[in-house]
Amino acid sequence: MFMDNITYYVKNKEKICKRQNIYRIKNRERITLQKKKYREKYKEKIKQSTLLYNQKNREKVKSRNKEWQLKNKGKARLFRRKQRLKKEYNIDLSEYKKMYIKQGGFCAICGTHKKPALAEGEALKMSEILCIDHCHFTGRVRGLICNNCNAGIGNLKDSIKNLEKAIYYLKSFIINSQVV
């Protein structure tokens, strides 16, 4: 019986594939729902088997991922951006968009207008976007600022005291040079 099934499949492979494709097209929503239920039900099992496969086939997976990233540069960049937002700042893309809209696309410190760091296909430089500013002590996101202001705050080590010293220094230079 088993050999008969294999023989039938080999002889009618094209016909069977065509029938399966028609079924998939007609029942796309139903199949998607079934897959979703299955993934929810066996989430841990799928996670473990994926992890095991990735460990056993490290080079193959790495090569496949690299190939996909080269073919889908915009999607890959957006994916990495989403991951970084979640990992480093514990926010998602929609929260970044809300902050950008709330600030009108302007740096919260100097007021320069920058593009949002969201576009899928765009390869934007750090100088062209608004960075996420966060407190290095609490991890809390404060807002969006340009790269220059971000570097300035970072170089002053998020210290109000250092910032006040920098202001005093600049003011004393202006008074001494009498350039007001």
Protein backbone atom coordinates (compact mmCIF):
# COMPACT_ATOMS: atom_id res chain seq x y z
CA MET A 1 0.00 0.00 0.00
CA PHE A 2 2.76 2.44 0.99
CA MET A 3 4.64 1.84 -2.27
CA ASP A 4 1.44 2.36 -4.22
CA ASN A 5 1.08 5.84 -2.68
CA ILE A 6 4.65 6.73 -3.60
CA THR A 7 4.22 5.44 -7.12
CA TYR A 8 0.98 7.38 -7.52
CA TYR A 9 2.65 10.56 -6.22
CA VAL A 10 5.64 10.19 -8.54
CA LYS A 11 3.39 9.62 -11.56
CA ASN A 12 0.98 12.47 -10.68
CA LYS A 13 3.29 14.95 -8.93
CA GLU A 14 2.41 17.91 -11.18
CA LYS A 15 -1.34 17.28 -10.90
CA ILE A 16 -1.13 16.95 -7.09
CA CYS A 17 0.94 20.16 -6.73
CA LYS A 18 -1.54 22.07 -8.87
CA ARG A 19 -4.46 20.82 -6.77
CA GLN A 20 -2.63 21.75 -3.54
CA ASN A 21 -1.86 25.25 -4.83
CA ILE A 22 -5.52 25.82 -5.76
CA TYR A 23 -6.57 24.65 -2.30
CA ARG A 24 -4.04 27.01 -0.62
CA ILE A 25 -5.26 29.98 -2.67
CA LYS A 26 -8.94 29.28 -1.91
CA ASN A 27 -8.30 28.68 1.81
CA ARG A 28 -5.52 31.21 2.50
CA GLU A 29 -7.26 32.84 5.51
CA ARG A 30 -8.21 29.50 7.04
CA ILE A 31 -4.66 28.15 6.64
CA THR A 32 -3.16 31.34 8.09
CA LEU A 33 -5.47 31.08 11.11
CA GLN A 34 -4.56 27.40 11.61
CA LYS A 35 -0.86 28.22 11.46
CA LYS A 36 -1.30 31.06 13.95
CA LYS A 37 -3.18 28.79 16.39
CA TYR A 38 -0.51 26.11 16.03
CA ARG A 39 2.32 28.61 16.67
CA GLU A 40 0.52 29.96 19.77
CA LYS A 41 -0.16 26.46 21.11
CA TYR A 42 3.39 25.16 20.56
CA LYS A 43 5.30 28.42 21.04
CA GLU A 44 7.91 26.99 23.43
CA LYS A 45 8.39 23.81 21.41
CA ILE A 46 8.92 25.84 18.21
CA LYS A 47 11.32 28.16 20.01
CA GLN A 48 13.39 25.24 21.30
CA SER A 49 13.49 23.41 17.96
CA THR A 50 14.44 26.62 16.13
CA LEU A 51 17.20 27.29 18.64
CA LEU A 52 18.49 23.73 18.30
CA TYR A 53 18.42 23.90 14.49
CA ASN A 54 20.22 27.27 14.50
CA GLN A 55 22.93 25.88 16.79
CA LYS A 56 23.46 22.79 14.66
CA ASN A 57 23.43 24.72 11.37
CA ARG A 58 25.12 27.95 12.45
CA GLU A 59 27.01 28.59 9.20
CA LYS A 60 24.05 27.72 6.98
CA VAL A 61 21.74 30.04 8.94
CA LYS A 62 24.35 32.80 8.97
CA SER A 63 24.81 32.52 5.21
CA ARG A 64 21.05 32.51 4.56
CA ASN A 65 20.53 35.55 6.81
CA LYS A 66 23.36 37.44 5.10
CA GLU A 67 21.88 36.64 1.67
CA TRP A 68 18.42 37.85 2.76
CA GLN A 69 19.87 41.07 4.20
CA LEU A 70 21.67 41.82 0.93
CA LYS A 71 18.47 41.26 -1.07
CA ASN A 72 16.28 43.22 1.39
CA LYS A 73 18.48 46.08 2.61
CA GLY A 74 15.59 48.39 3.51
CA LYS A 75 13.63 45.73 5.39
CA ALA A 76 16.79 44.53 7.15
CA ARG A 77 17.64 48.08 8.25
CA LEU A 78 14.10 48.63 9.56
CA PHE A 79 14.18 45.26 11.36
CA ARG A 80 17.49 46.13 13.08
CA ARG A 81 16.13 49.56 14.01
CA LYS A 82 13.03 47.98 15.60
CA GLN A 83 15.19 45.49 17.51
CA ARG A 84 17.50 48.25 18.76
CA LEU A 85 14.58 50.43 19.91
CA LYS A 86 13.17 47.53 21.91
CA LYS A 87 16.47 46.27 23.30
CA GLU A 88 18.12 49.59 24.21
CA TYR A 89 15.17 51.84 25.01
CA ASN A 90 12.23 49.45 25.56
CA ILE A 91 10.04 51.32 23.06
CA ASP A 92 8.58 50.33 19.72
CA LEU A 93 8.35 52.12 16.38
CA SER A 94 4.93 53.62 17.14
CA GLU A 95 6.25 55.25 20.33
CA TYR A 96 9.17 56.73 18.38
CA LYS A 97 6.70 58.09 15.78
CA LYS A 98 4.57 59.66 18.54
CA MET A 99 7.62 61.40 20.03
CA TYR A 100 8.67 62.63 16.58
CA ILE A 101 5.20 64.02 15.84
CA LYS A 102 4.92 65.58 19.34
CA GLN A 103 8.23 67.41 18.79
CA GLY A 104 7.30 68.32 15.21
CA GLY A 105 10.52 66.79 13.89
CA PHE A 106 12.67 69.29 15.80
CA CYS A 107 15.55 68.61 18.19
CA ALA A 108 14.36 69.13 21.79
CA ILE A 109 17.51 71.16 22.56
CA CYS A 110 18.66 73.23 19.58
CA GLY A 111 15.49 73.14 17.48
CA THR A 112 17.00 71.92 14.20
CA HIS A 113 14.64 69.94 12.00
CA LYS A 114 15.63 66.37 11.15
CA LYS A 115 14.09 63.36 9.40
CA PRO A 116 12.60 60.53 11.46
CA ALA A 117 14.74 57.39 11.69
CA LEU A 118 11.94 55.20 10.37
CA ALA A 119 11.91 54.93 6.59
CA GLU A 120 12.34 51.38 5.30
CA GLY A 121 14.40 52.07 2.20
CA GLU A 122 16.34 55.12 3.30
CA ALA A 123 19.94 54.85 4.45
CA LEU A 124 20.11 57.93 6.63
CA LYS A 125 23.26 59.19 8.30
CA MET A 126 23.27 59.96 12.03
CA SER A 127 23.56 63.66 11.17
CA GLU A 128 20.25 63.49 9.28
CA ILE A 129 18.01 61.99 11.97
CA LEU A 130 16.77 62.61 15.50
CA CYS A 131 18.41 60.34 18.08
CA ILE A 132 16.69 58.95 21.13
CA ASP A 133 17.95 60.70 24.25
CA HIS A 134 17.79 58.70 27.44
CA CYS A 135 19.05 58.98 30.99
CA HIS A 136 22.12 56.78 31.41
CA PHE A 137 21.33 56.29 35.10
CA THR A 138 17.64 55.31 34.93
CA GLY A 139 17.39 54.24 31.27
CA ARG A 140 14.28 56.45 30.90
CA VAL A 141 13.74 57.98 27.44
CA ARG A 142 13.69 61.79 27.61
CA GLY A 143 12.98 62.73 23.99
CA LEU A 144 14.50 63.12 20.55
CA ILE A 145 17.58 65.23 19.90
CA CYS A 146 19.98 65.76 17.01
CA ASN A 147 23.31 63.97 16.83
CA ASN A 148 25.30 67.09 17.79
CA CYS A 149 23.25 67.71 20.94
CA ASN A 150 23.39 64.01 21.79
CA ALA A 151 27.19 64.06 21.50
CA GLY A 152 27.35 67.24 23.59
CA ILE A 153 25.29 65.79 26.42
CA GLY A 154 27.24 62.54 26.20
CA ASN A 155 30.61 64.30 26.33
CA LEU A 156 29.43 66.23 29.38
CA LYS A 157 28.46 62.87 30.92
CA ASP A 158 24.80 63.83 31.44
CA SER A 159 25.99 66.13 34.23
CA ILE A 160 24.13 69.37 34.93
CA LYS A 161 27.20 70.54 36.85
CA ASN A 162 29.42 70.00 33.79
CA LEU A 163 26.87 71.77 31.60
CA GLU A 164 26.78 74.74 33.98
CA LYS A 165 30.60 74.86 33.91
CA ALA A 166 30.52 74.83 30.09
CA ILE A 167 27.99 77.70 30.08
CA TYR A 168 30.12 79.68 32.56
CA TYR A 169 33.20 79.04 30.41
CA LEU A 170 31.48 80.24 27.23
CA LYS A 171 30.03 83.32 28.96
CA SER A 172 33.40 84.28 30.46
CA PHE A 173 35.05 83.99 27.07
CA ILE A 174 32.43 86.25 25.50
CA ILE A 175 32.76 88.86 28.32
CA ASN A 176 36.58 88.78 28.16
CA SER A 177 36.55 89.16 24.37
CA GLN A 178 33.79 91.76 24.62
CA VAL A 179 31.93 90.07 21.80
CA VAL A 180 28.36 90.39 22.95
